[in-house]
């Protein structure tokens, strides 16, 4: 692992532990050249997952894109980083059992289901973008 401070390739692991319900390994490392300490995270790759968009095109699954969308729905609201990672990890685990393709519609519905249980405001925010609300009546129908 390359040191982020001096780019030296010789680093050693000081501490290692599993987090996020065993889905991720957190490693504390130290550079053997400059003694800089830094943290790395290792998680199972999901690069084989393809997302089928509404127009039928396919693209590789992007964890960061999903994370950004969820974070936007929690703007100026409290969400624990570990809780966010657990949400994404649980959704990825479900998907990996279902095969290597998923529709963007299914991803959106899965997120809505989880957000509805966690935070009603984040749920409405995500739904308004995901379902392309155009007017107040769309919000009213969702809330009712």
C-alpha atoms as a PDB file:
ATOM      1  CA  UNK A   1       0.000   0.000   0.000  1.00  0.00           C
ATOM      2  CA  UNK A   2       1.405   3.377  -1.012  1.00  0.00           C
ATOM      3  CA  UNK A   3       1.856   6.049   1.664  1.00  0.00           C
ATOM      4  CA  UNK A   4      -0.369   9.072   0.854  1.00  0.00           C
ATOM      5  CA  UNK A   5       2.250  11.466   2.273  1.00  0.00           C
ATOM      6  CA  UNK A   6       5.540  10.355   0.674  1.00  0.00           C
ATOM      7  CA  UNK A   7       4.357   7.737  -1.898  1.00  0.00           C
ATOM      8  CA  UNK A   8       6.653   5.096  -0.412  1.00  0.00           C
ATOM      9  CA  UNK A   9       5.425   1.554  -1.140  1.00  0.00           C
ATOM     10  CA  UNK A  10       6.761   0.049   2.118  1.00  0.00           C
ATOM     11  CA  UNK A  11       4.029   0.242   4.755  1.00  0.00           C
ATOM     12  CA  UNK A  12       3.075  -2.064   7.584  1.00  0.00           C
ATOM     13  CA  UNK A  13      -0.278  -2.913   9.141  1.00  0.00           C
ATOM     14  CA  UNK A  14      -0.526  -1.799  12.772  1.00  0.00           C
ATOM     15  CA  UNK A  15      -4.138  -2.746  13.475  1.00  0.00           C
ATOM     16  CA  UNK A  16      -6.810  -4.603  11.547  1.00  0.00           C
ATOM     17  CA  UNK A  17     -10.501  -5.099  12.373  1.00  0.00           C
ATOM     18  CA  UNK A  18     -13.770  -5.864  10.671  1.00  0.00           C
ATOM     19  CA  UNK A  19     -16.506  -3.236  10.589  1.00  0.00           C
ATOM     20  CA  UNK A  20     -19.934  -2.794   8.994  1.00  0.00           C
ATOM     21  CA  UNK A  21     -21.190  -6.215  10.080  1.00  0.00           C
ATOM     22  CA  UNK A  22     -18.091  -7.970   8.775  1.00  0.00           C
ATOM     23  CA  UNK A  23     -18.476  -6.508   5.277  1.00  0.00           C
ATOM     24  CA  UNK A  24     -15.383  -4.278   5.487  1.00  0.00           C
ATOM     25  CA  UNK A  25     -11.889  -4.566   6.929  1.00  0.00           C
ATOM     26  CA  UNK A  26     -10.383  -1.414   8.441  1.00  0.00           C
ATOM     27  CA  UNK A  27      -6.597  -1.401   8.546  1.00  0.00           C
ATOM     28  CA  UNK A  28      -4.412   1.127  10.349  1.00  0.00           C
ATOM     29  CA  UNK A  29      -1.070   1.395   8.527  1.00  0.00           C
ATOM     30  CA  UNK A  30       2.278   3.093   9.066  1.00  0.00           C
ATOM     31  CA  UNK A  31       4.817   4.128   6.450  1.00  0.00           C
ATOM     32  CA  UNK A  32       8.213   2.604   7.120  1.00  0.00           C
ATOM     33  CA  UNK A  33       9.960   5.609   5.546  1.00  0.00           C
ATOM     34  CA  UNK A  34       8.251   8.703   7.001  1.00  0.00           C
ATOM     35  CA  UNK A  35       6.270   7.062   9.875  1.00  0.00           C
ATOM     36  CA  UNK A  36       3.019   8.618   8.599  1.00  0.00           C
ATOM     37  CA  UNK A  37      -0.052   6.731   9.827  1.00  0.00           C
ATOM     38  CA  UNK A  38      -3.167   6.301   7.694  1.00  0.00           C
ATOM     39  CA  UNK A  39      -6.262   4.131   7.445  1.00  0.00           C
ATOM     40  CA  UNK A  40      -7.407   1.925   4.571  1.00  0.00           C
ATOM     41  CA  UNK A  41     -10.694   0.112   4.055  1.00  0.00           C
ATOM     42  CA  UNK A  42     -11.140  -3.133   2.143  1.00  0.00           C
ATOM     43  CA  UNK A  43     -14.512  -4.388   0.963  1.00  0.00           C
ATOM     44  CA  UNK A  44     -15.709  -7.052  -1.398  1.00  0.00           C
ATOM     45  CA  UNK A  45     -15.769  -5.814  -4.962  1.00  0.00           C
ATOM     46  CA  UNK A  46     -19.065  -5.398  -6.771  1.00  0.00           C
ATOM     47  CA  UNK A  47     -17.597  -4.544 -10.152  1.00  0.00           C
ATOM     48  CA  UNK A  48     -19.467  -7.402 -11.823  1.00  0.00           C
ATOM     49  CA  UNK A  49     -22.860  -5.804 -11.119  1.00  0.00           C
ATOM     50  CA  UNK A  50     -24.517  -4.141 -14.132  1.00  0.00           C
ATOM     51  CA  UNK A  51     -27.281  -1.566 -13.817  1.00  0.00           C
ATOM     52  CA  UNK A  52     -29.971  -1.537 -16.513  1.00  0.00           C
ATOM     53  CA  UNK A  53     -31.135   2.050 -16.984  1.00  0.00           C
ATOM     54  CA  UNK A  54     -34.688   3.155 -17.889  1.00  0.00           C
ATOM     55  CA  UNK A  55     -33.713   3.545 -21.551  1.00  0.00           C
ATOM     56  CA  UNK A  56     -32.314  -0.018 -21.676  1.00  0.00           C
ATOM     57  CA  UNK A  57     -28.634   0.910 -21.645  1.00  0.00           C
ATOM     58  CA  UNK A  58     -26.325  -0.802 -19.185  1.00  0.00           C
ATOM     59  CA  UNK A  59     -23.591   0.652 -17.017  1.00  0.00           C
ATOM     60  CA  UNK A  60     -21.338  -0.644 -14.269  1.00  0.00           C
ATOM     61  CA  UNK A  61     -22.640  -0.296 -10.724  1.00  0.00           C
ATOM     62  CA  UNK A  62     -21.092   2.708  -8.961  1.00  0.00           C
ATOM     63  CA  UNK A  63     -21.147   2.604  -5.152  1.00  0.00           C
ATOM     64  CA  UNK A  64     -20.096   6.264  -4.874  1.00  0.00           C
ATOM     65  CA  UNK A  65     -22.957   7.401  -7.107  1.00  0.00           C
ATOM     66  CA  UNK A  66     -25.455   5.598  -4.872  1.00  0.00           C
ATOM     67  CA  UNK A  67     -23.833   6.988  -1.729  1.00  0.00           C
ATOM     68  CA  UNK A  68     -23.983  10.541  -3.120  1.00  0.00           C
ATOM     69  CA  UNK A  69     -27.689  10.200  -3.952  1.00  0.00           C
ATOM     70  CA  UNK A  70     -28.508   9.009  -0.444  1.00  0.00           C
ATOM     71  CA  UNK A  71     -26.374  11.731   1.157  1.00  0.00           C
ATOM     72  CA  UNK A  72     -28.220  14.386  -0.876  1.00  0.00           C
ATOM     73  CA  UNK A  73     -31.531  13.174   0.514  1.00  0.00           C
ATOM     74  CA  UNK A  74     -30.097  13.618   4.039  1.00  0.00           C
ATOM     75  CA  UNK A  75     -28.843  17.176   3.377  1.00  0.00           C
ATOM     76  CA  UNK A  76     -28.796  19.116   6.679  1.00  0.00           C
ATOM     77  CA  UNK A  77     -30.129  16.043   8.493  1.00  0.00           C
ATOM     78  CA  UNK A  78     -28.315  13.603  10.705  1.00  0.00           C
ATOM     79  CA  UNK A  79     -27.088  10.292   9.357  1.00  0.00           C
ATOM     80  CA  UNK A  80     -24.285   8.314  10.892  1.00  0.00           C
ATOM     81  CA  UNK A  81     -21.579   7.381   8.361  1.00  0.00           C
ATOM     82  CA  UNK A  82     -21.628   3.810   9.588  1.00  0.00           C
ATOM     83  CA  UNK A  83     -25.420   3.695   9.189  1.00  0.00           C
ATOM     84  CA  UNK A  84     -25.058   4.918   5.597  1.00  0.00           C
ATOM     85  CA  UNK A  85     -22.405   2.285   4.859  1.00  0.00           C
ATOM     86  CA  UNK A  86     -24.623  -0.399   6.414  1.00  0.00           C
ATOM     87  CA  UNK A  87     -27.541   0.632   4.196  1.00  0.00           C
ATOM     88  CA  UNK A  88     -25.412   0.345   1.062  1.00  0.00           C
ATOM     89  CA  UNK A  89     -23.738  -2.890   2.217  1.00  0.00           C
ATOM     90  CA  UNK A  90     -27.108  -4.523   2.913  1.00  0.00           C
ATOM     91  CA  UNK A  91     -28.454  -3.493  -0.483  1.00  0.00           C
ATOM     92  CA  UNK A  92     -25.307  -4.786  -2.210  1.00  0.00           C
ATOM     93  CA  UNK A  93     -25.530  -8.102  -0.344  1.00  0.00           C
ATOM     94  CA  UNK A  94     -29.126  -8.547  -1.478  1.00  0.00           C
ATOM     95  CA  UNK A  95     -28.178  -7.757  -5.067  1.00  0.00           C
ATOM     96  CA  UNK A  96     -25.207 -10.112  -5.147  1.00  0.00           C
ATOM     97  CA  UNK A  97     -27.575 -12.957  -4.304  1.00  0.00           C
ATOM     98  CA  UNK A  98     -29.953 -11.983  -7.127  1.00  0.00           C
ATOM     99  CA  UNK A  99     -27.468 -12.175 -10.008  1.00  0.00           C
ATOM    100  CA  UNK A 100     -25.186  -9.743 -11.793  1.00  0.00           C
ATOM    101  CA  UNK A 101     -27.797  -7.381 -13.310  1.00  0.00           C
ATOM    102  CA  UNK A 102     -30.313  -5.073 -11.663  1.00  0.00           C
ATOM    103  CA  UNK A 103     -32.545  -2.313 -12.965  1.00  0.00           C
ATOM    104  CA  UNK A 104     -32.130   1.262 -11.817  1.00  0.00           C
ATOM    105  CA  UNK A 105     -35.826   1.132 -10.904  1.00  0.00           C
ATOM    106  CA  UNK A 106     -35.196  -1.713  -8.466  1.00  0.00           C
ATOM    107  CA  UNK A 107     -32.275   0.148  -6.882  1.00  0.00           C
ATOM    108  CA  UNK A 108     -34.471   3.231  -6.410  1.00  0.00           C
ATOM    109  CA  UNK A 109     -37.336   1.210  -4.903  1.00  0.00           C
ATOM    110  CA  UNK A 110     -34.942  -0.574  -2.525  1.00  0.00           C
ATOM    111  CA  UNK A 111     -33.553   2.763  -1.329  1.00  0.00           C
ATOM    112  CA  UNK A 112     -37.033   4.211  -0.887  1.00  0.00           C
ATOM    113  CA  UNK A 113     -38.087   1.208   1.209  1.00  0.00           C
ATOM    114  CA  UNK A 114     -35.082   1.669   3.534  1.00  0.00           C
ATOM    115  CA  UNK A 115     -35.363   5.465   3.763  1.00  0.00           C
ATOM    116  CA  UNK A 116     -39.059   5.258   4.623  1.00  0.00           C
ATOM    117  CA  UNK A 117     -38.141   3.320   7.777  1.00  0.00           C
ATOM    118  CA  UNK A 118     -35.194   5.538   8.762  1.00  0.00           C
ATOM    119  CA  UNK A 119     -36.152   9.151   8.002  1.00  0.00           C
ATOM    120  CA  UNK A 120     -39.424  10.381   6.445  1.00  0.00           C
ATOM    121  CA  UNK A 121     -37.883  13.663   5.247  1.00  0.00           C
ATOM    122  CA  UNK A 122     -35.024  11.894   3.449  1.00  0.00           C
ATOM    123  CA  UNK A 123     -37.612   9.513   1.997  1.00  0.00           C
ATOM    124  CA  UNK A 124     -39.653  12.370   0.504  1.00  0.00           C
ATOM    125  CA  UNK A 125     -36.536  14.114  -0.808  1.00  0.00           C
ATOM    126  CA  UNK A 126     -35.224  10.987  -2.504  1.00  0.00           C
ATOM    127  CA  UNK A 127     -38.659  10.141  -3.921  1.00  0.00           C
ATOM    128  CA  UNK A 128     -39.092  13.638  -5.356  1.00  0.00           C
ATOM    129  CA  UNK A 129     -35.938  13.270  -7.442  1.00  0.00           C
ATOM    130  CA  UNK A 130     -36.233   9.548  -8.189  1.00  0.00           C
ATOM    131  CA  UNK A 131     -39.854   9.815  -9.338  1.00  0.00           C
ATOM    132  CA  UNK A 132     -39.364  13.221 -11.016  1.00  0.00           C
ATOM    133  CA  UNK A 133     -41.999  15.194  -9.136  1.00  0.00           C
ATOM    134  CA  UNK A 134     -43.296  18.136 -11.135  1.00  0.00           C
ATOM    135  CA  UNK A 135     -45.762  19.794  -8.782  1.00  0.00           C
ATOM    136  CA  UNK A 136     -47.182  19.904  -5.272  1.00  0.00           C
ATOM    137  CA  UNK A 137     -49.779  17.226  -6.035  1.00  0.00           C
ATOM    138  CA  UNK A 138     -47.004  14.678  -6.557  1.00  0.00           C
ATOM    139  CA  UNK A 139     -45.715  15.388  -3.044  1.00  0.00           C
ATOM    140  CA  UNK A 140     -49.218  15.227  -1.609  1.00  0.00           C
ATOM    141  CA  UNK A 141     -49.875  11.812  -3.177  1.00  0.00           C
ATOM    142  CA  UNK A 142     -46.637  10.420  -1.756  1.00  0.00           C
ATOM    143  CA  UNK A 143     -47.310  11.723   1.746  1.00  0.00           C
ATOM    144  CA  UNK A 144     -50.918  10.497   1.749  1.00  0.00           C
END
